[in-house]
Amino acid sequence: MAVAEELGVEHDVILYIKEPPRKEDLEKIVAGLEDPVEDLVRKDSKFKKLELDPDDFVDSPSAVVDILVKHKQLLQRPLLVKGKKAMIGRPKARIYAFLS
């Protein structure tokens, strides 16, 4: 958000826990993702608790969408969407080029 404000880019903030993206939205995001699709899934303590295998998500848009629909907390963030393109906003320096 800070980078968007700094660049004067109009943006929306989606509180994904309160308003999780629908399956259709995730499919569009995955289709335009500039990063490897498996990077959209956080490999954190919840991921480990669910006993998920990171290899199950490599090059598998449908598996990524399915897990994110079931477990919205695993969505990597920040996630930026501009038109039909999407990217994970890490590291922060990548955001400048994407929004410019």
C-alpha atoms as a PDB file:
ATOM      1  CA  MET A   1       0.000   0.000   0.000  1.00  0.00           C
ATOM      2  CA  ALA A   2       2.766   2.413   0.919  1.00  0.00           C
ATOM      3  CA  VAL A   3       4.464   1.970  -2.453  1.00  0.00           C
ATOM      4  CA  ALA A   4       1.186   2.524  -4.315  1.00  0.00           C
ATOM      5  CA  GLU A   5       0.529   5.660  -2.308  1.00  0.00           C
ATOM      6  CA  GLU A   6       4.096   6.873  -2.860  1.00  0.00           C
ATOM      7  CA  LEU A   7       3.690   6.407  -6.623  1.00  0.00           C
ATOM      8  CA  GLY A   8       0.231   7.976  -6.593  1.00  0.00           C
ATOM      9  CA  VAL A   9      -1.359   4.808  -7.919  1.00  0.00           C
ATOM     10  CA  GLU A  10      -5.017   4.320  -7.162  1.00  0.00           C
ATOM     11  CA  HIS A  11      -5.524   0.976  -5.457  1.00  0.00           C
ATOM     12  CA  ASP A  12      -7.932  -1.183  -3.554  1.00  0.00           C
ATOM     13  CA  VAL A  13      -7.037  -3.114  -0.446  1.00  0.00           C
ATOM     14  CA  ILE A  14      -8.751  -6.443  -0.052  1.00  0.00           C
ATOM     15  CA  LEU A  15      -8.902  -7.891   3.427  1.00  0.00           C
ATOM     16  CA  TYR A  16      -8.660 -11.476   2.263  1.00  0.00           C
ATOM     17  CA  ILE A  17      -9.626 -12.993   5.633  1.00  0.00           C
ATOM     18  CA  LYS A  18     -12.907 -11.053   5.763  1.00  0.00           C
ATOM     19  CA  GLU A  19     -13.515 -11.180   2.006  1.00  0.00           C
ATOM     20  CA  PRO A  20     -11.608 -14.158   0.603  1.00  0.00           C
ATOM     21  CA  PRO A  21     -11.156 -14.263  -3.152  1.00  0.00           C
ATOM     22  CA  ARG A  22     -13.603 -16.507  -4.958  1.00  0.00           C
ATOM     23  CA  LYS A  23     -12.392 -19.483  -6.963  1.00  0.00           C
ATOM     24  CA  GLU A  24     -12.981 -17.529 -10.191  1.00  0.00           C
ATOM     25  CA  ASP A  25     -10.879 -14.625  -8.903  1.00  0.00           C
ATOM     26  CA  LEU A  26      -8.047 -16.950  -7.919  1.00  0.00           C
ATOM     27  CA  GLU A  27      -8.133 -18.588 -11.341  1.00  0.00           C
ATOM     28  CA  LYS A  28      -7.720 -15.180 -13.006  1.00  0.00           C
ATOM     29  CA  ILE A  29      -4.886 -14.256 -10.646  1.00  0.00           C
ATOM     30  CA  VAL A  30      -3.096 -17.543 -11.272  1.00  0.00           C
ATOM     31  CA  ALA A  31      -3.503 -17.118 -15.048  1.00  0.00           C
ATOM     32  CA  GLY A  32      -1.787 -13.722 -14.940  1.00  0.00           C
ATOM     33  CA  LEU A  33       0.791 -14.481 -12.274  1.00  0.00           C
ATOM     34  CA  GLU A  34       4.316 -13.443 -13.212  1.00  0.00           C
ATOM     35  CA  ASP A  35       5.760 -15.644 -10.462  1.00  0.00           C
ATOM     36  CA  PRO A  36       5.822 -19.439 -10.256  1.00  0.00           C
ATOM     37  CA  VAL A  37       2.302 -20.506  -9.305  1.00  0.00           C
ATOM     38  CA  GLU A  38       3.499 -22.492  -6.294  1.00  0.00           C
ATOM     39  CA  ASP A  39       4.855 -19.264  -4.756  1.00  0.00           C
ATOM     40  CA  LEU A  40       1.283 -18.103  -4.227  1.00  0.00           C
ATOM     41  CA  VAL A  41       0.968 -20.628  -1.387  1.00  0.00           C
ATOM     42  CA  ARG A  42       2.624 -19.714   1.907  1.00  0.00           C
ATOM     43  CA  LYS A  43       4.738 -22.541   3.285  1.00  0.00           C
ATOM     44  CA  ASP A  44       4.306 -21.533   6.924  1.00  0.00           C
ATOM     45  CA  SER A  45       3.334 -23.302  10.146  1.00  0.00           C
ATOM     46  CA  LYS A  46      -0.276 -23.760   8.968  1.00  0.00           C
ATOM     47  CA  PHE A  47       1.015 -25.382   5.774  1.00  0.00           C
ATOM     48  CA  LYS A  48       3.105 -27.772   7.874  1.00  0.00           C
ATOM     49  CA  LYS A  49       0.242 -28.415  10.304  1.00  0.00           C
ATOM     50  CA  LEU A  50      -1.938 -29.448   7.369  1.00  0.00           C
ATOM     51  CA  GLU A  51       0.879 -31.833   6.355  1.00  0.00           C
ATOM     52  CA  LEU A  52       0.908 -30.507   2.822  1.00  0.00           C
ATOM     53  CA  ASP A  53       3.669 -31.343   0.353  1.00  0.00           C
ATOM     54  CA  PRO A  54       5.168 -28.315  -1.448  1.00  0.00           C
ATOM     55  CA  ASP A  55       5.794 -30.446  -4.536  1.00  0.00           C
ATOM     56  CA  ASP A  56       2.046 -30.905  -4.983  1.00  0.00           C
ATOM     57  CA  PHE A  57       1.740 -27.251  -6.003  1.00  0.00           C
ATOM     58  CA  VAL A  58       4.663 -26.943  -8.429  1.00  0.00           C
ATOM     59  CA  ASP A  59       3.318 -26.022 -11.875  1.00  0.00           C
ATOM     60  CA  SER A  60      -0.202 -26.897 -10.725  1.00  0.00           C
ATOM     61  CA  PRO A  61      -2.563 -23.924 -10.964  1.00  0.00           C
ATOM     62  CA  SER A  62      -5.604 -26.036 -10.101  1.00  0.00           C
ATOM     63  CA  ALA A  63      -3.983 -27.412  -6.920  1.00  0.00           C
ATOM     64  CA  VAL A  64      -2.997 -23.879  -5.876  1.00  0.00           C
ATOM     65  CA  VAL A  65      -6.504 -22.540  -6.446  1.00  0.00           C
ATOM     66  CA  ASP A  66      -8.076 -25.475  -4.609  1.00  0.00           C
ATOM     67  CA  ILE A  67      -5.887 -25.115  -1.506  1.00  0.00           C
ATOM     68  CA  LEU A  68      -6.388 -21.337  -1.379  1.00  0.00           C
ATOM     69  CA  VAL A  69     -10.151 -21.721  -1.591  1.00  0.00           C
ATOM     70  CA  LYS A  70     -10.048 -24.156   1.338  1.00  0.00           C
ATOM     71  CA  HIS A  71      -7.386 -22.331   3.372  1.00  0.00           C
ATOM     72  CA  LYS A  72      -7.389 -18.600   2.621  1.00  0.00           C
ATOM     73  CA  GLN A  73      -4.681 -18.006   5.255  1.00  0.00           C
ATOM     74  CA  LEU A  74      -2.166 -19.703   2.948  1.00  0.00           C
ATOM     75  CA  LEU A  75      -2.458 -16.947   0.338  1.00  0.00           C
ATOM     76  CA  GLN A  76       0.935 -15.301  -0.108  1.00  0.00           C
ATOM     77  CA  ARG A  77       0.876 -11.565   0.332  1.00  0.00           C
ATOM     78  CA  PRO A  78       1.055  -8.881  -0.571  1.00  0.00           C
ATOM     79  CA  LEU A  79      -0.462  -9.818  -3.866  1.00  0.00           C
ATOM     80  CA  LEU A  80      -0.753  -7.150  -6.528  1.00  0.00           C
ATOM     81  CA  VAL A  81      -3.105  -7.259  -9.485  1.00  0.00           C
ATOM     82  CA  LYS A  82      -2.940  -4.783 -12.352  1.00  0.00           C
ATOM     83  CA  GLY A  83      -5.168  -5.456 -15.307  1.00  0.00           C
ATOM     84  CA  LYS A  84      -4.675  -9.104 -16.239  1.00  0.00           C
ATOM     85  CA  LYS A  85      -1.259  -9.357 -14.584  1.00  0.00           C
ATOM     86  CA  ALA A  86      -0.497 -10.343 -11.012  1.00  0.00           C
ATOM     87  CA  MET A  87       2.614 -10.631  -8.885  1.00  0.00           C
ATOM     88  CA  ILE A  88       3.697 -11.338  -5.362  1.00  0.00           C
ATOM     89  CA  GLY A  89       5.010  -8.111  -3.846  1.00  0.00           C
ATOM     90  CA  ARG A  90       8.209  -9.544  -2.419  1.00  0.00           C
ATOM     91  CA  PRO A  91      10.763  -8.247  -2.299  1.00  0.00           C
ATOM     92  CA  LYS A  92       9.249  -4.794  -2.001  1.00  0.00           C
ATOM     93  CA  ALA A  93      11.516  -3.355  -4.722  1.00  0.00           C
ATOM     94  CA  ARG A  94       9.617  -5.389  -7.355  1.00  0.00           C
ATOM     95  CA  ILE A  95       6.455  -3.405  -6.662  1.00  0.00           C
ATOM     96  CA  TYR A  96       7.846  -0.176  -8.119  1.00  0.00           C
ATOM     97  CA  ALA A  97       8.441  -1.657 -11.567  1.00  0.00           C
ATOM     98  CA  PHE A  98       5.105  -3.465 -11.560  1.00  0.00           C
ATOM     99  CA  LEU A  99       3.056  -0.394 -10.669  1.00  0.00           C
ATOM    100  CA  SER A 100       4.978   2.077 -12.824  1.00  0.00           C
END
